[in-house]
Amino acid sequence: MSSEATPVSTTTSKPHKDGKSTHLFVLIHGLWGSPNHMRTIERYIKESLPSTTTDEITTLKPASFRFWKTYDGLDLNSRKIITEIFYEIESLREKNGLTVTKISFIGYSLGGLLARYVIGLLNELEFFEQVEPVFFSTFATPHMGVEFFRDNIFDNVANIVGPFLFGKSGGQLFLADNEKILVKMADHKQKFYQGLAKFQKHTLLANVRNDRTVAFFTSFITLYSPFDEFDLVKIKYLKNLPETKIAGKLVRPKIVDLARSHKLAHDDSKLFPGNLQEETPFVRKNKYARVLVIVALVMLIVPLWIPFILTTSTMVSVYSFVKVRIHRLPNIKEHWSRVINYVYKDKPMDPQDAEASQKQREKRKQVAQHESFKGDTSHITENAMEGMLYAEEHFLHRSKSSGSVIPEGDANNEDSEDGEDSNETITNGVEKDTSLQSIYPDSRTSVKLVEINFKANDEIMQTQSLRLQDNSKISLFTKESELKLDEEKRYIMDSLNELNWIKIPVFLDVWNSHDGIVSRRGPKTNPKGAATIGVWVSILRNHLQEERGAKSLKT
């Protein structure tokens, strides 16, 4: 089974005694988001991992804190997520005869912080004594909080009003909450850090550019911000990564090789055409169209979007603060004891849990098919906020990073592959290369949206080391690119960096790389992000295959 189980009628029959070992992936979306933001990542997991392990692969995209509810802070939303996890563990056993023995967390943006908080609460319940923690991955997550460092009116105002605009979550993100929860979550003595350290593999992906929502320094957990003068930076990518076919177009994964990327001298920069990429939209590669769009954004944002953002976010924030104070927290301790009795001790399932778990599945299915008006208004705020940040970035700090598109193998990346399709061709829908897998088959057309050679990615990633132990080897990490981090952020950074992270810097030449890094609107809209996710999933594939091989040797 490689997909979330289809709900069936609720029963309280005796559980299956020999439930098959199951690896549950929990995919957690970010601020203003919905479970649908994680669909592309979910599809990669479902399609690529089952062949690498003897465990069943199942996924869960929690839906209980979507849209405006993301303002409610880490504690309340994390307890809601845990409740969904427990119900799904019970449902998998009751409906499908599966026993969750392993768990992994994938967090996007705020979802990465929620995942870390969830892990802390689960660790306190001794959850990991029963269920093995495997992967912890984040995409564009502000691990060190949010702060704007440029000395201008916009950044200064954003740092002042930001903690009050997004409910309790806003104060936590800007480290303005009384509890200083992000600092606490980095403390070695706390349940959050201790639980996180138990995971076998820690990976993170961070945008180096075009993400003003979550800056590089905080998602990469570093004090450096080397891409501010982007016109002077020559980006190099990991070598030999095979192309991915997205809706019939070939794109390469956009993983930056920090060891080879470097800053240009000012004289050299005059001849530098910019860090150009294939399949860049017309509006971005044409400077006149780009200027027109930016001007239009500014003209609309000032009179329309800014008042809308301030009004709606303020109203929701006030409501959220009141709700958090009076909301009754789920009793996850009692629920976990029932899960242990039913799933792991072969006792009868609680009838109320059976009914509630069924309702949770149905609710997630409805959310996946239809997003309410309340959800749509949060999406308007999300898009307006990201558009405002983008306009501010490119109106005040114009760069020449986009221009006429050139092949990846030309001057911008002369030592990469020659740009030819590295995959075998497909005739009449039949794959000649069995390592080529198809994801997202489009029912409306005969074109497969994503065709990716996972095995080729696996082989390349086996030879790549993305663990940065020595920053002195990165020429871009200079004294000039250091940020003036306060003591709290430095503490978080130093503490989290004691974990053995695989850090993946990503450059997407798109309007909004915060959107693109998880391909949240689908591969066809975010092809370069979708191709990059294919490389990330190979890290997971290799680990699972190594585990399976080691287990085979023991037996």
Foldseek 3Di string as FASTA:
>chain_A
DLEQDDFDDFDQDFWQPQFFEAEEEEEEEAALAALLLQVLLSLCRSFPFPVQFPHHYYYHYAGPQHGLSNLQDLPQVLLSSLLLVLLSQLCCRHPPSHHYQEYEYEAAAVRLVSVLSNLLVCVVLVVCVRHQYAEYEYELYQLLADADFDPDDVRVVCLVCQLQLRAPHSCQRSLNDPVSVSLVLLDPVGSSLVSVLRYHAYAYEAELDLANPRHRCRRQLHQFNLCLVVLFKQWEAQADAAWKQFLNDTFAAFFTDLLPIAGHDPVVSVVDQALFGPPADPCQAAVVSVVVVLVVLVVCLVPPVVVLSRVVSNVSNVVSNVCSVPPDGDPSSVSVVQSCCVRVVRDTHDSVSSVVSSVSSVVSVVCNVDPDPSSVSSVSSVVSVSSVSLSVSCVVRPHSNHHPHDHCCPDSHVPHDPRDRPADDADPNHGPDPQWDATCQDPVDRGGRIIDRLVSLLVSVVPDQQFDPDCVSRNSRDPVRGGPDDPSSVSSSVSVNVRRYRYTYGYDSHNHVSSQLSVSVHCNVRVNNSNNSSNVVSVVSNVSNVVNVVVVVVD
